[in-house]
Amino acid sequence: MSDENPLSSGAGNAPAEPGPHGTTFWVIAPNGSSATVVLDASASYDLDHDALSFRWARVDDGEQFFSDDVQTTNVWHESAQFRLNVFDGTTTTSASFAVYLLTPAEVVRDLIDAMDKLEMEEGIHIRARNSLDTLLDKAAQYLGKGELARAVDLLDRFQERIATQSHLLGAAGAQDLIGIAQAVIDAVSSLR
C-alpha cells in the first residue's frame, strides 16, 4: 500500500468500505489479563470491485503497522485501539475501532444484567431467577479463585436451566444467554 495517497477521492471511483463493521469489540481474556485477537479485513469491499490492499495499525501503542488482511495480535491490559486502512488503488479509506478485554468472571456477572434486561425491558418472567443468579454468582467466584472445573459445571447447569425455559424466554433470548455462558466455558477450557 502506498503512503503517497492520503485520504482522497478518485474521480469516478467509489471508495472501499473497510471491515470489520463496528467501533467497539469485546473479547474474553481467559487468563484475566490478555487475549489473542484476530484482526480480519475480509469484510472490506469495494463497489467497483477494485483489488484491495490493507494496512492495520495499532494506534494506542505508537503506530505499529501490519500489512495483511488477517493479522493475529495480542491485547494486554484492558484495551487496544486499532485502525484499518483499505486502499483500492486510488483511494484510502480508514476505520478505527477499540478492543476491550473482559475477564470470564465479568462476563458471567453480565449474564445477570442480561437476565435483568429480559425481565425489565422485555417483560419476560424468568422462573427460579434467584437460583439462576446464585449459580452465576458462584460461577464468578470460582472463576476468580481459578477453580475452573467448578465454574464450568455451574455454567453447564445454568445453560440447562435456561434451555428448559426457552418457551418462556423465546428462542433468541434463551440462545443469547446460553451462547454467552458457552463463550465463557470455551474461553476457560483452554486453560484447564
N, C-alpha and C. Protein backbone atom coordinates (compact mmCIF):
# COMPACT_ATOMS: atom_id res chain seq x y z
N MET A 1 0.85 -1.17 0.00
CA MET A 1 0.00 0.00 0.00
C MET A 1 0.89 1.23 0.00
N SER A 2 0.57 2.19 -0.79
CA SER A 2 1.37 3.39 -0.91
C SER A 2 0.97 4.41 0.13
N ASP A 3 1.97 5.04 0.76
CA ASP A 3 1.68 6.12 1.70
C ASP A 3 1.52 7.44 0.97
N GLU A 4 1.70 7.43 -0.35
CA GLU A 4 1.62 8.67 -1.12
C GLU A 4 0.18 9.14 -1.31
N ASN A 5 -0.78 8.27 -1.12
CA ASN A 5 -2.18 8.63 -1.30
C ASN A 5 -2.85 8.87 0.04
N PRO A 6 -2.88 10.12 0.50
CA PRO A 6 -3.64 10.39 1.71
C PRO A 6 -5.12 10.17 1.41
N LEU A 7 -5.95 10.24 2.42
CA LEU A 7 -7.38 10.08 2.17
C LEU A 7 -7.79 11.07 1.10
N SER A 8 -8.22 10.52 -0.02
CA SER A 8 -8.58 11.36 -1.15
C SER A 8 -9.66 10.66 -1.94
N SER A 9 -10.25 11.37 -2.82
CA SER A 9 -11.31 10.80 -3.63
C SER A 9 -10.86 10.76 -5.08
N GLY A 10 -10.85 9.59 -5.65
CA GLY A 10 -10.50 9.44 -7.05
C GLY A 10 -11.72 9.73 -7.91
N ALA A 11 -11.54 10.42 -9.02
CA ALA A 11 -12.65 10.75 -9.90
C ALA A 11 -13.26 9.47 -10.45
N GLY A 12 -14.58 9.31 -10.31
CA GLY A 12 -15.27 8.16 -10.83
C GLY A 12 -15.00 6.88 -10.05
N ASN A 13 -14.40 6.99 -8.91
CA ASN A 13 -14.06 5.82 -8.11
C ASN A 13 -14.89 5.80 -6.84
N ALA A 14 -15.53 4.68 -6.57
CA ALA A 14 -16.21 4.52 -5.29
C ALA A 14 -15.18 4.01 -4.29
N PRO A 15 -15.01 4.69 -3.16
CA PRO A 15 -14.00 4.25 -2.20
C PRO A 15 -14.38 2.91 -1.58
N ALA A 16 -13.37 2.19 -1.14
CA ALA A 16 -13.58 0.91 -0.47
C ALA A 16 -14.25 1.13 0.87
N GLU A 17 -14.96 0.13 1.32
CA GLU A 17 -15.61 0.16 2.63
C GLU A 17 -14.85 -0.81 3.54
N PRO A 18 -14.14 -0.27 4.55
CA PRO A 18 -13.36 -1.15 5.41
C PRO A 18 -14.24 -1.98 6.35
N GLY A 19 -13.83 -3.19 6.57
CA GLY A 19 -14.44 -4.05 7.60
C GLY A 19 -13.34 -4.34 8.59
N PRO A 20 -13.55 -4.64 9.80
CA PRO A 20 -14.81 -5.06 10.40
C PRO A 20 -15.75 -3.89 10.59
N HIS A 21 -17.02 -4.21 10.69
CA HIS A 21 -18.03 -3.17 10.86
C HIS A 21 -18.36 -3.04 12.34
N GLY A 22 -18.27 -1.83 12.84
CA GLY A 22 -18.48 -1.56 14.25
C GLY A 22 -17.30 -0.79 14.80
N THR A 23 -17.47 -0.22 15.96
CA THR A 23 -16.39 0.57 16.55
C THR A 23 -15.88 0.01 17.86
N THR A 24 -16.62 -0.93 18.45
CA THR A 24 -16.23 -1.49 19.73
C THR A 24 -16.43 -3.00 19.70
N PHE A 25 -15.42 -3.73 20.15
CA PHE A 25 -15.49 -5.18 20.21
C PHE A 25 -15.04 -5.63 21.59
N TRP A 26 -15.75 -6.59 22.16
CA TRP A 26 -15.46 -7.13 23.49
C TRP A 26 -14.91 -8.54 23.32
N VAL A 27 -13.84 -8.84 24.01
CA VAL A 27 -13.18 -10.14 23.91
C VAL A 27 -12.97 -10.69 25.32
N ILE A 28 -13.21 -11.99 25.49
CA ILE A 28 -12.97 -12.62 26.78
C ILE A 28 -11.48 -12.92 26.90
N ALA A 29 -10.87 -12.46 27.98
CA ALA A 29 -9.46 -12.74 28.28
C ALA A 29 -9.44 -13.94 29.23
N PRO A 30 -9.20 -15.15 28.71
CA PRO A 30 -9.30 -16.35 29.55
C PRO A 30 -8.48 -16.28 30.83
N ASN A 31 -7.29 -15.71 30.75
CA ASN A 31 -6.43 -15.62 31.94
C ASN A 31 -6.68 -14.35 32.74
N GLY A 32 -7.62 -13.53 32.29
CA GLY A 32 -7.98 -12.32 33.02
C GLY A 32 -7.18 -11.09 32.66
N SER A 33 -6.13 -11.24 31.84
CA SER A 33 -5.31 -10.06 31.56
C SER A 33 -4.91 -9.90 30.09
N SER A 34 -5.06 -10.94 29.27
CA SER A 34 -4.67 -10.79 27.87
C SER A 34 -5.47 -11.76 27.01
N ALA A 35 -5.51 -11.47 25.73
CA ALA A 35 -6.18 -12.35 24.78
C ALA A 35 -5.55 -12.19 23.42
N THR A 36 -5.58 -13.26 22.66
CA THR A 36 -5.15 -13.20 21.28
C THR A 36 -6.37 -12.84 20.45
N VAL A 37 -6.23 -11.83 19.61
CA VAL A 37 -7.34 -11.42 18.75
C VAL A 37 -6.90 -11.54 17.30
N VAL A 38 -7.86 -11.82 16.45
CA VAL A 38 -7.60 -11.91 15.02
C VAL A 38 -8.24 -10.68 14.38
N LEU A 39 -7.41 -9.87 13.75
CA LEU A 39 -7.88 -8.70 13.02
C LEU A 39 -8.12 -9.17 11.59
N ASP A 40 -9.36 -9.11 11.15
CA ASP A 40 -9.72 -9.69 9.86
C ASP A 40 -10.39 -8.63 8.99
N ALA A 41 -9.75 -8.29 7.90
CA ALA A 41 -10.26 -7.27 7.00
C ALA A 41 -11.13 -7.85 5.89
N SER A 42 -11.44 -9.14 5.95
CA SER A 42 -12.16 -9.78 4.84
C SER A 42 -13.57 -9.24 4.63
N ALA A 43 -14.12 -8.52 5.60
CA ALA A 43 -15.44 -7.91 5.42
C ALA A 43 -15.35 -6.61 4.61
N SER A 44 -14.14 -6.19 4.26
CA SER A 44 -13.96 -5.00 3.44
C SER A 44 -14.42 -5.30 2.02
N TYR A 45 -14.92 -4.27 1.36
CA TYR A 45 -15.35 -4.47 -0.03
C TYR A 45 -15.22 -3.17 -0.81
N ASP A 46 -15.29 -3.30 -2.10
CA ASP A 46 -15.21 -2.15 -2.99
C ASP A 46 -16.31 -2.28 -4.04
N LEU A 47 -17.15 -1.26 -4.17
CA LEU A 47 -18.27 -1.31 -5.12
C LEU A 47 -17.80 -1.43 -6.57
N ASP A 48 -16.59 -0.92 -6.83
CA ASP A 48 -16.02 -1.01 -8.19
C ASP A 48 -15.30 -2.33 -8.41
N HIS A 49 -15.26 -3.18 -7.41
CA HIS A 49 -14.56 -4.47 -7.46
C HIS A 49 -13.07 -4.32 -7.70
N ASP A 50 -12.50 -3.18 -7.25
CA ASP A 50 -11.06 -2.99 -7.36
C ASP A 50 -10.36 -3.94 -6.38
N ALA A 51 -9.15 -4.34 -6.73
CA ALA A 51 -8.34 -5.13 -5.80
C ALA A 51 -8.00 -4.25 -4.60
N LEU A 52 -8.06 -4.83 -3.43
CA LEU A 52 -7.83 -4.06 -2.21
C LEU A 52 -6.53 -4.48 -1.55
N SER A 53 -5.86 -3.51 -0.94
CA SER A 53 -4.72 -3.81 -0.07
C SER A 53 -5.04 -3.21 1.30
N PHE A 54 -4.42 -3.79 2.32
CA PHE A 54 -4.79 -3.46 3.69
C PHE A 54 -3.56 -3.08 4.49
N ARG A 55 -3.81 -2.23 5.46
CA ARG A 55 -2.76 -1.87 6.40
C ARG A 55 -3.40 -1.64 7.76
N TRP A 56 -3.11 -2.54 8.68
CA TRP A 56 -3.57 -2.41 10.05
C TRP A 56 -2.59 -1.57 10.83
N ALA A 57 -3.09 -0.80 11.77
CA ALA A 57 -2.21 -0.06 12.67
C ALA A 57 -2.75 -0.19 14.09
N ARG A 58 -1.87 -0.50 14.99
CA ARG A 58 -2.24 -0.42 16.40
C ARG A 58 -1.85 0.98 16.84
N VAL A 59 -2.84 1.79 17.19
CA VAL A 59 -2.59 3.21 17.39
C VAL A 59 -2.49 3.63 18.85
N ASP A 60 -2.78 2.72 19.79
CA ASP A 60 -2.66 3.09 21.20
C ASP A 60 -1.25 2.86 21.71
N ASP A 61 -0.42 2.25 20.92
CA ASP A 61 0.93 1.90 21.33
C ASP A 61 1.90 2.38 20.25
N GLY A 62 1.77 3.65 19.88
CA GLY A 62 2.54 4.16 18.74
C GLY A 62 1.85 3.74 17.46
N GLU A 63 2.54 3.81 16.37
CA GLU A 63 1.99 3.39 15.08
C GLU A 63 2.66 2.09 14.66
N GLN A 64 2.16 0.98 15.17
CA GLN A 64 2.68 -0.33 14.78
C GLN A 64 1.84 -0.81 13.60
N PHE A 65 2.47 -1.06 12.46
CA PHE A 65 1.74 -1.42 11.26
C PHE A 65 1.88 -2.90 10.93
N PHE A 66 0.79 -3.46 10.39
CA PHE A 66 0.76 -4.82 9.86
C PHE A 66 0.13 -4.70 8.47
N SER A 67 0.60 -5.47 7.51
CA SER A 67 0.11 -5.29 6.14
C SER A 67 -0.70 -6.44 5.58
N ASP A 68 -1.19 -7.33 6.39
CA ASP A 68 -2.01 -8.43 5.88
C ASP A 68 -3.48 -8.14 6.12
N ASP A 69 -4.34 -8.83 5.33
CA ASP A 69 -5.77 -8.64 5.56
C ASP A 69 -6.23 -9.34 6.83
N VAL A 70 -5.51 -10.39 7.26
CA VAL A 70 -5.79 -11.05 8.53
C VAL A 70 -4.51 -11.02 9.36
N GLN A 71 -4.62 -10.52 10.56
CA GLN A 71 -3.46 -10.37 11.43
C GLN A 71 -3.83 -10.85 12.82
N THR A 72 -2.99 -11.67 13.42
CA THR A 72 -3.19 -12.11 14.80
C THR A 72 -2.26 -11.32 15.70
N THR A 73 -2.81 -10.79 16.78
CA THR A 73 -2.02 -10.00 17.70
C THR A 73 -2.54 -10.21 19.12
N ASN A 74 -1.80 -9.78 20.08
CA ASN A 74 -2.23 -9.88 21.48
C ASN A 74 -2.69 -8.54 21.99
N VAL A 75 -3.71 -8.58 22.82
CA VAL A 75 -4.19 -7.40 23.53
C VAL A 75 -3.93 -7.65 25.01
N TRP A 76 -3.20 -6.74 25.62
CA TRP A 76 -2.86 -6.85 27.03
C TRP A 76 -3.54 -5.74 27.79
N HIS A 77 -3.94 -6.00 29.00
CA HIS A 77 -4.39 -4.97 29.94
C HIS A 77 -5.55 -4.13 29.42
N GLU A 78 -6.69 -4.65 29.45
CA GLU A 78 -7.96 -3.94 29.29
C GLU A 78 -8.36 -3.57 27.88
N SER A 79 -7.50 -2.92 27.07
CA SER A 79 -7.99 -2.49 25.76
C SER A 79 -6.86 -2.19 24.80
N ALA A 80 -7.24 -2.06 23.53
CA ALA A 80 -6.32 -1.65 22.47
C ALA A 80 -7.12 -0.92 21.40
N GLN A 81 -6.47 0.00 20.74
CA GLN A 81 -7.09 0.78 19.66
C GLN A 81 -6.42 0.40 18.34
N PHE A 82 -7.23 0.16 17.31
CA PHE A 82 -6.71 -0.22 16.00
C PHE A 82 -7.32 0.64 14.91
N ARG A 83 -6.60 0.72 13.80
CA ARG A 83 -7.13 1.38 12.60
C ARG A 83 -6.83 0.47 11.41
N LEU A 84 -7.80 0.36 10.54
CA LEU A 84 -7.62 -0.38 9.30
C LEU A 84 -7.68 0.60 8.15
N ASN A 85 -6.62 0.65 7.34
CA ASN A 85 -6.60 1.43 6.11
C ASN A 85 -6.80 0.47 4.95
N VAL A 86 -7.75 0.79 4.08
CA VAL A 86 -8.02 -0.02 2.91
C VAL A 86 -7.78 0.84 1.69
N PHE A 87 -6.93 0.34 0.79
CA PHE A 87 -6.53 1.09 -0.42
C PHE A 87 -7.05 0.33 -1.63
N ASP A 88 -7.78 1.02 -2.51
CA ASP A 88 -8.34 0.37 -3.70
C ASP A 88 -7.59 0.72 -4.98
N GLY A 89 -6.38 1.22 -4.83
CA GLY A 89 -5.59 1.62 -5.99
C GLY A 89 -5.68 3.10 -6.27
N THR A 90 -6.71 3.76 -5.74
CA THR A 90 -6.91 5.19 -5.93
C THR A 90 -7.12 5.91 -4.61
N THR A 91 -7.93 5.33 -3.76
CA THR A 91 -8.38 5.98 -2.55
C THR A 91 -8.09 5.11 -1.32
N THR A 92 -7.68 5.75 -0.25
CA THR A 92 -7.51 5.07 1.03
C THR A 92 -8.67 5.46 1.94
N THR A 93 -9.31 4.47 2.51
CA THR A 93 -10.39 4.68 3.46
C THR A 93 -9.99 4.03 4.77
N SER A 94 -10.32 4.67 5.88
CA SER A 94 -9.93 4.15 7.19
C SER A 94 -11.13 3.91 8.09
N ALA A 95 -10.95 2.96 8.99
CA ALA A 95 -11.93 2.72 10.06
C ALA A 95 -11.14 2.46 11.33
N SER A 96 -11.59 3.06 12.42
CA SER A 96 -10.94 2.87 13.72
C SER A 96 -11.89 2.14 14.65
N PHE A 97 -11.32 1.35 15.53
CA PHE A 97 -12.14 0.64 16.49
C PHE A 97 -11.31 0.26 17.71
N ALA A 98 -12.03 -0.11 18.77
CA ALA A 98 -11.40 -0.48 20.04
C ALA A 98 -11.74 -1.94 20.35
N VAL A 99 -10.78 -2.61 20.98
CA VAL A 99 -10.99 -3.95 21.50
C VAL A 99 -10.83 -3.86 23.02
N TYR A 100 -11.87 -4.28 23.74
CA TYR A 100 -11.85 -4.26 25.20
C TYR A 100 -11.85 -5.68 25.72
N LEU A 101 -11.06 -5.93 26.74
CA LEU A 101 -10.99 -7.24 27.35
C LEU A 101 -11.92 -7.33 28.55
N LEU A 102 -12.55 -8.46 28.68
CA LEU A 102 -13.37 -8.76 29.85
C LEU A 102 -12.85 -10.05 30.46
N THR A 103 -12.83 -10.12 31.77
CA THR A 103 -12.46 -11.38 32.42
C THR A 103 -13.67 -12.31 32.33
N PRO A 104 -13.44 -13.62 32.42
CA PRO A 104 -14.58 -14.54 32.42
C PRO A 104 -15.58 -14.24 33.54
N ALA A 105 -15.09 -13.87 34.71
CA ALA A 105 -16.00 -13.54 35.82
C ALA A 105 -16.86 -12.32 35.48
N GLU A 106 -16.30 -11.33 34.80
CA GLU A 106 -17.09 -10.16 34.40
C GLU A 106 -18.20 -10.56 33.44
N VAL A 107 -17.89 -11.45 32.51
CA VAL A 107 -18.89 -11.89 31.54
C VAL A 107 -20.02 -12.63 32.26
N VAL A 108 -19.66 -13.48 33.21
CA VAL A 108 -20.68 -14.21 33.97
C VAL A 108 -21.57 -13.22 34.72
N ARG A 109 -20.98 -12.21 35.33
CA ARG A 109 -21.80 -11.21 36.03
C ARG A 109 -22.68 -10.43 35.05
N ASP A 110 -22.19 -10.24 33.83
CA ASP A 110 -23.00 -9.58 32.81
C ASP A 110 -24.23 -10.41 32.42
N LEU A 111 -24.15 -11.74 32.61
CA LEU A 111 -25.33 -12.58 32.35
C LEU A 111 -26.48 -12.21 33.28
N ILE A 112 -26.16 -11.86 34.51
CA ILE A 112 -27.20 -11.42 35.45
C ILE A 112 -27.86 -10.15 34.92
N ASP A 113 -27.04 -9.22 34.42
CA ASP A 113 -27.58 -7.99 33.83
C ASP A 113 -28.44 -8.30 32.60
N ALA A 114 -28.01 -9.27 31.81
CA ALA A 114 -28.78 -9.64 30.61
C ALA A 114 -30.14 -10.21 31.01
N MET A 115 -30.19 -11.00 32.09
CA MET A 115 -31.48 -11.51 32.56
C MET A 115 -32.35 -10.37 33.10
N ASP A 116 -31.72 -9.41 33.80
CA ASP A 116 -32.46 -8.23 34.25
C ASP A 116 -33.11 -7.51 33.07
N LYS A 117 -32.35 -7.36 32.01
CA LYS A 117 -32.86 -6.67 30.82
C LYS A 117 -34.04 -7.42 30.22
N LEU A 118 -33.92 -8.75 30.12
CA LEU A 118 -35.04 -9.53 29.59
C LEU A 118 -36.30 -9.33 30.44
N GLU A 119 -36.11 -9.32 31.74
CA GLU A 119 -37.28 -9.17 32.62
C GLU A 119 -37.85 -7.76 32.60
N MET A 120 -36.98 -6.75 32.67
CA MET A 120 -37.45 -5.37 32.78
C MET A 120 -37.89 -4.79 31.44
N GLU A 121 -37.04 -4.93 30.42
CA GLU A 121 -37.33 -4.28 29.14
C GLU A 121 -38.25 -5.12 28.26
N GLU A 122 -38.14 -6.43 28.36
CA GLU A 122 -38.95 -7.30 27.51
C GLU A 122 -40.19 -7.81 28.23
N GLY A 123 -40.24 -7.62 29.55
CA GLY A 123 -41.39 -8.09 30.31
C GLY A 123 -41.47 -9.60 30.43
N ILE A 124 -40.34 -10.27 30.31
CA ILE A 124 -40.30 -11.74 30.37
C ILE A 124 -39.98 -12.16 31.80
N HIS A 125 -40.76 -13.09 32.33
CA HIS A 125 -40.51 -13.63 33.67
C HIS A 125 -39.61 -14.86 33.56
N ILE A 126 -38.51 -14.85 34.27
CA ILE A 126 -37.59 -15.99 34.28
C ILE A 126 -37.86 -16.77 35.56
N ARG A 127 -38.25 -18.05 35.41
CA ARG A 127 -38.54 -18.89 36.57
C ARG A 127 -37.26 -19.17 37.35
N ALA A 128 -37.42 -19.30 38.66
CA ALA A 128 -36.31 -19.64 39.57
C ALA A 128 -35.15 -18.67 39.40
N ARG A 129 -35.48 -17.41 39.26
CA ARG A 129 -34.47 -16.39 39.00
C ARG A 129 -33.41 -16.35 40.10
N ASN A 130 -33.82 -16.42 41.36
CA ASN A 130 -32.83 -16.37 42.44
C ASN A 130 -31.85 -17.52 42.35
N SER A 131 -32.35 -18.69 42.00
CA SER A 131 -31.49 -19.86 41.85
C SER A 131 -30.48 -19.66 40.71
N LEU A 132 -30.93 -19.07 39.60
CA LEU A 132 -30.03 -18.81 38.47
C LEU A 132 -28.98 -17.77 38.85
N ASP A 133 -29.40 -16.72 39.55
CA ASP A 133 -28.45 -15.70 40.00
C ASP A 133 -27.39 -16.32 40.92
N THR A 134 -27.83 -17.22 41.80
CA THR A 134 -26.90 -17.88 42.71
C THR A 134 -25.90 -18.73 41.94
N LEU A 135 -26.37 -19.47 40.94
CA LEU A 135 -25.45 -20.26 40.10
C LEU A 135 -24.39 -19.36 39.47
N LEU A 136 -24.83 -18.23 38.93
CA LEU A 136 -23.89 -17.33 38.24
C LEU A 136 -22.95 -16.66 39.23
N ASP A 137 -23.46 -16.24 40.38
CA ASP A 137 -22.59 -15.64 41.40
C ASP A 137 -21.50 -16.62 41.83
N LYS A 138 -21.89 -17.86 42.07
CA LYS A 138 -20.91 -18.87 42.49
C LYS A 138 -19.92 -19.16 41.36
N ALA A 139 -20.41 -19.23 40.13
CA ALA A 139 -19.52 -19.47 38.99
C ALA A 139 -18.48 -18.35 38.89
N ALA A 140 -18.93 -17.10 39.05
CA ALA A 140 -18.00 -15.96 39.01
C ALA A 140 -16.97 -16.05 40.13
N GLN A 141 -17.42 -16.46 41.32
CA GLN A 141 -16.48 -16.62 42.44
C GLN A 141 -15.45 -17.70 42.15
N TYR A 142 -15.90 -18.83 41.62
CA TYR A 142 -14.97 -19.91 41.29
C TYR A 142 -13.99 -19.48 40.20
N LEU A 143 -14.46 -18.72 39.23
CA LEU A 143 -13.56 -18.21 38.19
C LEU A 143 -12.50 -17.31 38.81
N GLY A 144 -12.92 -16.47 39.74
CA GLY A 144 -11.98 -15.57 40.41
C GLY A 144 -10.93 -16.31 41.22
N LYS A 145 -11.28 -17.49 41.72
CA LYS A 145 -10.34 -18.29 42.51
C LYS A 145 -9.52 -19.25 41.64
N GLY A 146 -9.84 -19.30 40.34
CA GLY A 146 -9.14 -20.23 39.46
C GLY A 146 -9.67 -21.65 39.52
N GLU A 147 -10.83 -21.85 40.13
CA GLU A 147 -11.45 -23.17 40.20
C GLU A 147 -12.34 -23.36 38.98
N LEU A 148 -11.68 -23.60 37.85
CA LEU A 148 -12.35 -23.57 36.55
C LEU A 148 -13.35 -24.71 36.37
N ALA A 149 -13.00 -25.92 36.82
CA ALA A 149 -13.91 -27.05 36.65
C ALA A 149 -15.23 -26.82 37.37
N ARG A 150 -15.16 -26.26 38.57
CA ARG A 150 -16.38 -25.97 39.32
C ARG A 150 -17.19 -24.89 38.62
N ALA A 151 -16.51 -23.88 38.11
CA ALA A 151 -17.22 -22.81 37.40
C ALA A 151 -17.90 -23.35 36.15
N VAL A 152 -17.20 -24.18 35.39
CA VAL A 152 -17.78 -24.75 34.16
C VAL A 152 -18.99 -25.61 34.51
N ASP A 153 -18.92 -26.38 35.59
CA ASP A 153 -20.06 -27.20 36.00
C ASP A 153 -21.28 -26.32 36.28
N LEU A 154 -21.09 -25.23 36.97
CA LEU A 154 -22.21 -24.33 37.28
C LEU A 154 -22.75 -23.66 36.01
N LEU A 155 -21.86 -23.30 35.10
CA LEU A 155 -22.31 -22.69 33.85
C LEU A 155 -23.08 -23.70 32.99
N ASP A 156 -22.65 -24.96 33.01
CA ASP A 156 -23.41 -26.01 32.31
C ASP A 156 -24.82 -26.13 32.90
N ARG A 157 -24.91 -26.11 34.22
CA ARG A 157 -26.22 -26.19 34.87
C ARG A 157 -27.08 -24.98 34.54
N PHE A 158 -26.46 -23.80 34.48
CA PHE A 158 -27.19 -22.58 34.08
C PHE A 158 -27.76 -22.76 32.68
N GLN A 159 -26.93 -23.26 31.74
CA GLN A 159 -27.39 -23.45 30.37
C GLN A 159 -28.58 -24.42 30.31
N GLU A 160 -28.48 -25.51 31.06
CA GLU A 160 -29.58 -26.50 31.07
C GLU A 160 -30.87 -25.87 31.58
N ARG A 161 -30.77 -25.08 32.63
CA ARG A 161 -31.98 -24.46 33.20
C ARG A 161 -32.57 -23.42 32.26
N ILE A 162 -31.71 -22.68 31.59
CA ILE A 162 -32.22 -21.70 30.61
C ILE A 162 -32.87 -22.42 29.44
N ALA A 163 -32.28 -23.52 28.99
CA ALA A 163 -32.84 -24.27 27.86
C ALA A 163 -34.25 -24.77 28.18
N THR A 164 -34.51 -25.14 29.43
CA THR A 164 -35.85 -25.60 29.79
C THR A 164 -36.87 -24.46 29.79
N GLN A 165 -36.38 -23.21 29.77
CA GLN A 165 -37.29 -22.06 29.77
C GLN A 165 -37.34 -21.36 28.41
N SER A 166 -36.81 -21.99 27.38
CA SER A 166 -36.76 -21.31 26.08
C SER A 166 -38.15 -20.95 25.57
N HIS A 167 -39.17 -21.71 25.94
CA HIS A 167 -40.54 -21.37 25.52
C HIS A 167 -41.02 -20.08 26.19
N LEU A 168 -40.48 -19.75 27.36
CA LEU A 168 -40.85 -18.51 28.05
C LEU A 168 -39.99 -17.34 27.59
N LEU A 169 -38.71 -17.64 27.39
CA LEU A 169 -37.75 -16.58 27.05
C LEU A 169 -37.75 -16.25 25.56
N GLY A 170 -38.28 -17.13 24.76
CA GLY A 170 -38.15 -17.00 23.32
C GLY A 170 -36.84 -17.65 22.91
N ALA A 171 -36.83 -18.26 21.76
CA ALA A 171 -35.64 -18.98 21.31
C ALA A 171 -34.41 -18.08 21.26
N ALA A 172 -34.58 -16.86 20.75
CA ALA A 172 -33.44 -15.96 20.62
C ALA A 172 -32.90 -15.53 21.98
N GLY A 173 -33.78 -15.19 22.92
CA GLY A 173 -33.34 -14.78 24.25
C GLY A 173 -32.62 -15.90 24.97
N ALA A 174 -33.17 -17.11 24.90
CA ALA A 174 -32.52 -18.26 25.53
C ALA A 174 -31.17 -18.54 24.88
N GLN A 175 -31.12 -18.51 23.56
CA GLN A 175 -29.85 -18.78 22.86
C GLN A 175 -28.80 -17.74 23.17
N ASP A 176 -29.21 -16.49 23.34
CA ASP A 176 -28.24 -15.44 23.71
C ASP A 176 -27.60 -15.76 25.06
N LEU A 177 -28.42 -16.09 26.05
CA LEU A 177 -27.90 -16.39 27.39
C LEU A 177 -27.03 -17.65 27.36
N ILE A 178 -27.49 -18.68 26.68
CA ILE A 178 -26.73 -19.93 26.57
C ILE A 178 -25.42 -19.68 25.83
N GLY A 179 -25.48 -18.88 24.78
CA GLY A 179 -24.28 -18.59 23.98
C GLY A 179 -23.22 -17.83 24.77
N ILE A 180 -23.65 -16.89 25.60
CA ILE A 180 -22.69 -16.14 26.42
C ILE A 180 -22.02 -17.08 27.42
N ALA A 181 -22.83 -17.93 28.07
CA ALA A 181 -22.26 -18.90 29.01
C ALA A 181 -21.29 -19.84 28.29
N GLN A 182 -21.64 -20.25 27.08
CA GLN A 182 -20.77 -21.16 26.33
C GLN A 182 -19.47 -20.47 25.93
N ALA A 183 -19.52 -19.19 25.62
CA ALA A 183 -18.30 -18.45 25.28
C ALA A 183 -17.33 -18.44 26.47
N VAL A 184 -17.87 -18.29 27.68
CA VAL A 184 -17.01 -18.33 28.86
C VAL A 184 -16.44 -19.74 29.05
N ILE A 185 -17.29 -20.75 28.91
CA ILE A 185 -16.82 -22.14 29.04
C ILE A 185 -15.70 -22.41 28.03
N ASP A 186 -15.90 -22.01 26.79
CA ASP A 186 -14.88 -22.23 25.75
C ASP A 186 -13.58 -21.50 26.09
N ALA A 187 -13.71 -20.26 26.58
CA ALA A 187 -12.52 -19.47 26.89
C ALA A 187 -11.70 -20.09 28.02
N VAL A 188 -12.37 -20.52 29.08
CA VAL A 188 -11.61 -21.05 30.22
C VAL A 188 -11.21 -22.50 30.00
N SER A 189 -11.87 -23.19 29.10
CA SER A 189 -11.49 -24.58 28.83
C SER A 189 -10.08 -24.67 28.24
N SER A 190 -9.66 -23.62 27.58
CA SER A 190 -8.30 -23.60 27.03
C SER A 190 -7.24 -23.54 28.13
N LEU A 191 -7.66 -23.16 29.35
CA LEU A 191 -6.73 -23.05 30.47
C LEU A 191 -6.70 -24.31 31.34
N ARG A 192 -7.68 -25.20 31.16
CA ARG A 192 -7.75 -26.37 32.03
C ARG A 192 -6.81 -27.45 31.60
